[in-house]
Each structure stands twice: as structure tokens, then as C-alpha cells.
Amino acid sequence: MAIFSDKVTTAFELPGHRVVENCGIVRGIIVRSRSILGSVGATLQTLFGGNITLYTQLCERARDDAYELMLSHAREVGGNAVIGVRYDATEIGAGITEVLAYGTAVRVEPVNQELAQGG
């Protein structure tokens, strides 16, 4: 079952939907390190100031991977949405970063489904 981005939120409710089941806490965790080439390139970028695009790309990829792992975990436990989504990042060691995406997997139904079923 797919979980689409319109069913993932940092809020604790989805407008137009009602939570019918709490499937539990879900998470996606990824640990990334910088490559030597990436570190050298990023170091060169720091000399010029501004956005360090090599690090930005690394961070975005880590967040995306953690997010996708979280959605996969949500599907495994039977969820069709994730609410209360948060990210956390921790530097484990020099150049090694853990990124965690977590939230609550839930099953939701459209509110108008109740009306369609006469309820």
C-alpha cells in the first residue's frame, strides 16, 4: 500500500480525514559519512563562503533516505498515513551523521466516507 506525501504531516491530524487506527511509532534511520572527495570539495567551497552545496546534497539525500525508510516501516505496520513527523540528526563521530525520521503510523479514512456510507 502506498503512502503519498499528502498523507504525511508534522501535524497530529489530517484535514478531511479521521484516524481510525493507531499503528504505532515508526522510524527511518540512516547513517552517512562524507567521502574523502566530498570532504575535499566541500572544504574548497568553504573558502569561497556561501552555501556548501556538497554538504547540502549529502544532507538532503540522508533526509530523503530516512523519510523513505520511515514510510516503508509505516506500510509494514499497516498504516496509510504518518502524523507527527519529525527529523533528528546527531553527529556520531567526525564526519559521520545519523539522520532519524519518525512519526506515528495511522490508518485514516476520508471524513466524507462516513456520509457516503450513511453514517
N, C-alpha and C. Protein backbone atom coordinates (compact mmCIF):
# COMPACT_ATOMS: atom_id res chain seq x y z
N MET A 1 0.84 -1.16 0.00
CA MET A 1 0.00 0.00 0.00
C MET A 1 0.90 1.24 0.00
N ALA A 2 0.65 2.14 -0.89
CA ALA A 2 1.45 3.36 -0.98
C ALA A 2 0.99 4.39 0.05
N ILE A 3 1.94 5.13 0.55
CA ILE A 3 1.64 6.28 1.40
C ILE A 3 2.15 7.50 0.64
N PHE A 4 1.23 8.36 0.23
CA PHE A 4 1.60 9.53 -0.56
C PHE A 4 1.90 10.72 0.33
N SER A 5 2.64 11.69 -0.19
CA SER A 5 3.09 12.82 0.62
C SER A 5 1.93 13.63 1.20
N ASP A 6 0.75 13.58 0.59
CA ASP A 6 -0.39 14.31 1.17
C ASP A 6 -0.95 13.61 2.41
N LYS A 7 -0.41 12.43 2.72
CA LYS A 7 -0.83 11.69 3.91
C LYS A 7 0.29 11.63 4.95
N VAL A 8 1.25 12.54 4.83
CA VAL A 8 2.36 12.63 5.77
C VAL A 8 2.42 14.07 6.26
N THR A 9 2.41 14.26 7.57
CA THR A 9 2.36 15.62 8.10
C THR A 9 3.06 15.72 9.45
N THR A 10 3.52 16.92 9.75
CA THR A 10 4.09 17.19 11.06
C THR A 10 2.97 17.46 12.07
N ALA A 11 1.77 17.69 11.59
CA ALA A 11 0.62 17.93 12.47
C ALA A 11 0.13 16.59 13.03
N PHE A 12 -0.82 16.65 13.93
CA PHE A 12 -1.34 15.43 14.55
C PHE A 12 -2.71 15.05 14.03
N GLU A 13 -3.11 15.68 12.92
CA GLU A 13 -4.35 15.34 12.25
C GLU A 13 -4.21 15.67 10.77
N LEU A 14 -5.03 15.03 9.97
CA LEU A 14 -5.06 15.30 8.54
C LEU A 14 -6.42 15.91 8.21
N PRO A 15 -6.47 17.14 7.75
CA PRO A 15 -7.75 17.75 7.40
C PRO A 15 -8.52 16.89 6.40
N GLY A 16 -9.81 16.72 6.67
CA GLY A 16 -10.65 15.92 5.77
C GLY A 16 -10.58 14.43 6.03
N HIS A 17 -9.81 14.02 7.02
CA HIS A 17 -9.64 12.60 7.34
C HIS A 17 -9.83 12.40 8.84
N ARG A 18 -10.17 11.18 9.18
CA ARG A 18 -10.24 10.85 10.59
C ARG A 18 -9.38 9.61 10.82
N VAL A 19 -8.68 9.62 11.94
CA VAL A 19 -7.82 8.49 12.31
C VAL A 19 -8.73 7.38 12.81
N VAL A 20 -8.63 6.20 12.19
CA VAL A 20 -9.44 5.05 12.61
C VAL A 20 -8.60 4.00 13.34
N GLU A 21 -7.26 4.12 13.21
CA GLU A 21 -6.40 3.16 13.91
C GLU A 21 -5.02 3.76 14.09
N ASN A 22 -4.46 3.60 15.28
CA ASN A 22 -3.09 3.99 15.56
C ASN A 22 -2.24 2.73 15.39
N CYS A 23 -1.31 2.76 14.44
CA CYS A 23 -0.48 1.59 14.16
C CYS A 23 0.85 1.62 14.90
N GLY A 24 1.16 2.73 15.56
CA GLY A 24 2.36 2.81 16.37
C GLY A 24 3.42 3.73 15.81
N ILE A 25 4.47 3.89 16.59
CA ILE A 25 5.59 4.75 16.21
C ILE A 25 6.38 4.06 15.11
N VAL A 26 6.76 4.85 14.11
CA VAL A 26 7.59 4.33 13.01
C VAL A 26 8.80 5.24 12.86
N ARG A 27 9.88 4.65 12.33
CA ARG A 27 11.08 5.43 12.15
C ARG A 27 11.86 4.94 10.95
N GLY A 28 12.68 5.84 10.46
CA GLY A 28 13.64 5.52 9.42
C GLY A 28 14.96 6.13 9.86
N ILE A 29 16.00 5.34 9.87
CA ILE A 29 17.30 5.84 10.33
C ILE A 29 18.35 5.54 9.27
N ILE A 30 19.19 6.52 9.04
CA ILE A 30 20.27 6.36 8.07
C ILE A 30 21.53 6.98 8.67
N VAL A 31 22.65 6.34 8.46
CA VAL A 31 23.93 6.88 8.93
C VAL A 31 24.78 7.13 7.69
N ARG A 32 25.27 8.33 7.56
CA ARG A 32 26.05 8.72 6.39
C ARG A 32 27.39 9.28 6.83
N SER A 33 28.37 9.12 5.95
CA SER A 33 29.66 9.75 6.17
C SER A 33 30.05 10.48 4.89
N ARG A 34 30.90 11.43 5.04
CA ARG A 34 31.40 12.15 3.88
C ARG A 34 32.54 11.34 3.27
N SER A 35 32.57 11.32 1.95
CA SER A 35 33.71 10.68 1.28
C SER A 35 34.90 11.63 1.33
N ILE A 36 36.06 11.11 1.07
CA ILE A 36 37.26 11.97 1.05
C ILE A 36 37.13 13.01 -0.05
N LEU A 37 36.67 12.60 -1.23
CA LEU A 37 36.50 13.56 -2.32
C LEU A 37 35.46 14.62 -1.96
N GLY A 38 34.35 14.17 -1.36
CA GLY A 38 33.31 15.11 -0.95
C GLY A 38 33.81 16.08 0.09
N SER A 39 34.61 15.60 1.02
CA SER A 39 35.16 16.46 2.07
C SER A 39 36.11 17.50 1.48
N VAL A 40 36.96 17.06 0.55
CA VAL A 40 37.90 17.99 -0.09
C VAL A 40 37.12 19.04 -0.88
N GLY A 41 36.13 18.59 -1.65
CA GLY A 41 35.32 19.54 -2.43
C GLY A 41 34.59 20.53 -1.55
N ALA A 42 34.02 20.04 -0.44
CA ALA A 42 33.30 20.92 0.48
C ALA A 42 34.27 21.89 1.15
N THR A 43 35.47 21.43 1.47
CA THR A 43 36.47 22.31 2.08
C THR A 43 36.82 23.43 1.12
N LEU A 44 36.95 23.10 -0.16
CA LEU A 44 37.23 24.14 -1.16
C LEU A 44 36.06 25.12 -1.25
N GLN A 45 34.83 24.62 -1.16
CA GLN A 45 33.67 25.51 -1.21
C GLN A 45 33.65 26.45 0.00
N THR A 46 34.10 26.00 1.15
CA THR A 46 34.09 26.86 2.35
C THR A 46 35.03 28.05 2.19
N LEU A 47 36.05 27.90 1.36
CA LEU A 47 36.98 29.01 1.14
C LEU A 47 36.29 30.20 0.49
N PHE A 48 35.25 29.93 -0.30
CA PHE A 48 34.55 30.98 -1.01
C PHE A 48 33.30 31.46 -0.28
N GLY A 49 32.92 30.78 0.80
CA GLY A 49 31.74 31.18 1.57
C GLY A 49 30.44 30.80 0.86
N GLY A 50 29.35 31.08 1.52
CA GLY A 50 28.03 30.81 0.95
C GLY A 50 27.59 29.37 1.18
N ASN A 51 26.64 28.94 0.39
CA ASN A 51 26.06 27.60 0.51
C ASN A 51 27.09 26.55 0.11
N ILE A 52 27.30 25.58 0.95
CA ILE A 52 28.23 24.49 0.65
C ILE A 52 27.39 23.37 0.04
N THR A 53 27.25 23.40 -1.26
CA THR A 53 26.30 22.53 -1.97
C THR A 53 26.59 21.05 -1.79
N LEU A 54 27.85 20.66 -1.66
CA LEU A 54 28.16 19.24 -1.48
C LEU A 54 27.59 18.72 -0.16
N TYR A 55 27.66 19.53 0.89
CA TYR A 55 27.07 19.13 2.17
C TYR A 55 25.55 19.20 2.12
N THR A 56 25.03 20.20 1.43
CA THR A 56 23.58 20.32 1.29
C THR A 56 23.02 19.09 0.59
N GLN A 57 23.66 18.66 -0.47
CA GLN A 57 23.22 17.46 -1.19
C GLN A 57 23.30 16.22 -0.31
N LEU A 58 24.37 16.10 0.47
CA LEU A 58 24.53 14.96 1.37
C LEU A 58 23.40 14.94 2.40
N CYS A 59 23.12 16.09 2.98
CA CYS A 59 22.05 16.19 3.99
C CYS A 59 20.69 15.89 3.38
N GLU A 60 20.40 16.43 2.21
CA GLU A 60 19.12 16.17 1.56
C GLU A 60 18.95 14.68 1.25
N ARG A 61 20.01 14.06 0.76
CA ARG A 61 19.94 12.62 0.45
C ARG A 61 19.70 11.80 1.71
N ALA A 62 20.38 12.17 2.80
CA ALA A 62 20.20 11.45 4.07
C ALA A 62 18.77 11.62 4.58
N ARG A 63 18.22 12.83 4.51
CA ARG A 63 16.84 13.06 4.95
C ARG A 63 15.85 12.29 4.09
N ASP A 64 16.06 12.33 2.77
CA ASP A 64 15.18 11.58 1.87
C ASP A 64 15.20 10.08 2.17
N ASP A 65 16.40 9.54 2.38
CA ASP A 65 16.53 8.12 2.69
C ASP A 65 15.83 7.76 3.99
N ALA A 66 16.03 8.59 5.03
CA ALA A 66 15.39 8.35 6.33
C ALA A 66 13.87 8.43 6.18
N TYR A 67 13.38 9.40 5.42
CA TYR A 67 11.95 9.58 5.17
C TYR A 67 11.36 8.34 4.49
N GLU A 68 12.03 7.87 3.44
CA GLU A 68 11.54 6.69 2.71
C GLU A 68 11.54 5.44 3.59
N LEU A 69 12.57 5.29 4.44
CA LEU A 69 12.60 4.16 5.37
C LEU A 69 11.46 4.25 6.38
N MET A 70 11.14 5.48 6.83
CA MET A 70 10.03 5.67 7.75
C MET A 70 8.71 5.26 7.08
N LEU A 71 8.51 5.68 5.83
CA LEU A 71 7.28 5.31 5.11
C LEU A 71 7.19 3.80 4.92
N SER A 72 8.31 3.17 4.63
CA SER A 72 8.34 1.72 4.48
C SER A 72 7.94 1.04 5.78
N HIS A 73 8.46 1.52 6.90
CA HIS A 73 8.10 0.98 8.21
C HIS A 73 6.61 1.18 8.48
N ALA A 74 6.08 2.35 8.10
CA ALA A 74 4.64 2.62 8.29
C ALA A 74 3.79 1.64 7.50
N ARG A 75 4.20 1.34 6.27
CA ARG A 75 3.46 0.36 5.46
C ARG A 75 3.51 -1.02 6.10
N GLU A 76 4.68 -1.39 6.63
CA GLU A 76 4.85 -2.70 7.27
C GLU A 76 3.90 -2.90 8.44
N VAL A 77 3.60 -1.83 9.17
CA VAL A 77 2.72 -1.96 10.33
C VAL A 77 1.27 -1.69 9.99
N GLY A 78 0.96 -1.48 8.71
CA GLY A 78 -0.42 -1.33 8.26
C GLY A 78 -0.94 0.08 8.16
N GLY A 79 -0.08 1.07 8.25
CA GLY A 79 -0.52 2.45 8.16
C GLY A 79 -0.74 2.90 6.72
N ASN A 80 -1.62 3.89 6.56
CA ASN A 80 -1.78 4.52 5.25
C ASN A 80 -1.50 6.02 5.34
N ALA A 81 -1.00 6.46 6.51
CA ALA A 81 -0.61 7.85 6.73
C ALA A 81 0.36 7.89 7.90
N VAL A 82 1.10 9.00 7.99
CA VAL A 82 2.01 9.20 9.11
C VAL A 82 1.80 10.62 9.62
N ILE A 83 1.53 10.74 10.92
CA ILE A 83 1.32 12.04 11.53
C ILE A 83 2.41 12.32 12.56
N GLY A 84 2.56 13.58 12.93
CA GLY A 84 3.56 13.95 13.93
C GLY A 84 4.99 13.70 13.49
N VAL A 85 5.26 13.87 12.21
CA VAL A 85 6.59 13.56 11.67
C VAL A 85 7.62 14.57 12.16
N ARG A 86 8.77 14.04 12.54
CA ARG A 86 9.90 14.85 12.99
C ARG A 86 11.19 14.27 12.41
N TYR A 87 12.20 15.12 12.37
CA TYR A 87 13.56 14.70 11.98
C TYR A 87 14.50 15.01 13.14
N ASP A 88 15.54 14.21 13.24
CA ASP A 88 16.59 14.47 14.22
C ASP A 88 17.90 14.07 13.56
N ALA A 89 18.96 14.77 13.88
CA ALA A 89 20.28 14.43 13.35
C ALA A 89 21.30 14.52 14.47
N THR A 90 22.21 13.57 14.48
CA THR A 90 23.25 13.52 15.50
C THR A 90 24.58 13.19 14.84
N GLU A 91 25.60 13.92 15.22
CA GLU A 91 26.93 13.58 14.72
C GLU A 91 27.48 12.48 15.62
N ILE A 92 27.68 11.31 15.04
CA ILE A 92 28.16 10.15 15.80
C ILE A 92 29.67 10.21 15.99
N GLY A 93 30.34 10.67 14.98
CA GLY A 93 31.79 10.80 15.01
C GLY A 93 32.20 11.82 13.98
N ALA A 94 33.48 12.04 13.84
CA ALA A 94 33.97 13.01 12.86
C ALA A 94 33.51 12.61 11.46
N GLY A 95 32.66 13.42 10.89
CA GLY A 95 32.19 13.16 9.53
C GLY A 95 31.13 12.09 9.41
N ILE A 96 30.61 11.59 10.51
CA ILE A 96 29.58 10.54 10.49
C ILE A 96 28.32 11.08 11.17
N THR A 97 27.23 11.12 10.41
CA THR A 97 26.00 11.69 10.92
C THR A 97 24.85 10.70 10.80
N GLU A 98 24.06 10.64 11.85
CA GLU A 98 22.84 9.83 11.87
C GLU A 98 21.66 10.76 11.63
N VAL A 99 20.78 10.37 10.72
CA VAL A 99 19.54 11.13 10.50
C VAL A 99 18.38 10.19 10.77
N LEU A 100 17.46 10.66 11.59
CA LEU A 100 16.30 9.89 12.01
C LEU A 100 15.04 10.63 11.61
N ALA A 101 14.13 9.95 10.92
CA ALA A 101 12.79 10.47 10.64
C ALA A 101 11.83 9.59 11.41
N TYR A 102 10.90 10.20 12.15
CA TYR A 102 9.98 9.39 12.94
C TYR A 102 8.62 10.07 13.03
N GLY A 103 7.62 9.26 13.32
CA GLY A 103 6.26 9.75 13.47
C GLY A 103 5.36 8.62 13.92
N THR A 104 4.06 8.85 13.82
CA THR A 104 3.09 7.84 14.21
C THR A 104 2.35 7.36 12.97
N ALA A 105 2.44 6.06 12.70
CA ALA A 105 1.70 5.47 11.58
C ALA A 105 0.25 5.31 12.01
N VAL A 106 -0.65 5.72 11.14
CA VAL A 106 -2.08 5.61 11.42
C VAL A 106 -2.80 5.13 10.17
N ARG A 107 -4.01 4.65 10.38
CA ARG A 107 -4.93 4.38 9.27
C ARG A 107 -5.96 5.49 9.32
N VAL A 108 -6.15 6.14 8.19
CA VAL A 108 -7.13 7.22 8.11
C VAL A 108 -8.16 6.90 7.05
N GLU A 109 -9.33 7.51 7.22
CA GLU A 109 -10.41 7.44 6.23
C GLU A 109 -10.88 8.85 5.96
N PRO A 110 -11.29 9.13 4.73
CA PRO A 110 -11.87 10.45 4.47
C PRO A 110 -13.12 10.65 5.31
N VAL A 111 -13.30 11.85 5.82
CA VAL A 111 -14.48 12.16 6.63
C VAL A 111 -15.76 11.97 5.82
N ASN A 112 -15.74 12.34 4.54
CA ASN A 112 -16.94 12.21 3.71
C ASN A 112 -17.30 10.76 3.41
N GLN A 113 -16.40 9.79 3.71
CA GLN A 113 -16.71 8.38 3.53
C GLN A 113 -17.82 7.96 4.47
N GLU A 114 -17.85 8.56 5.67
CA GLU A 114 -18.93 8.26 6.62
C GLU A 114 -20.28 8.66 6.05
N LEU A 115 -20.32 9.84 5.40
CA LEU A 115 -21.56 10.31 4.81
C LEU A 115 -22.00 9.42 3.65
N ALA A 116 -21.01 8.98 2.87
CA ALA A 116 -21.32 8.11 1.71
C ALA A 116 -21.87 6.77 2.15
N GLN A 117 -21.47 6.32 3.36
CA GLN A 117 -21.93 5.04 3.86
C GLN A 117 -23.18 5.18 4.72
N GLY A 118 -23.69 6.43 4.81
CA GLY A 118 -24.91 6.65 5.56
C GLY A 118 -24.67 6.81 7.05
N GLY A 119 -23.45 7.12 7.46
CA GLY A 119 -23.12 7.15 8.87
C GLY A 119 -22.80 8.47 9.35
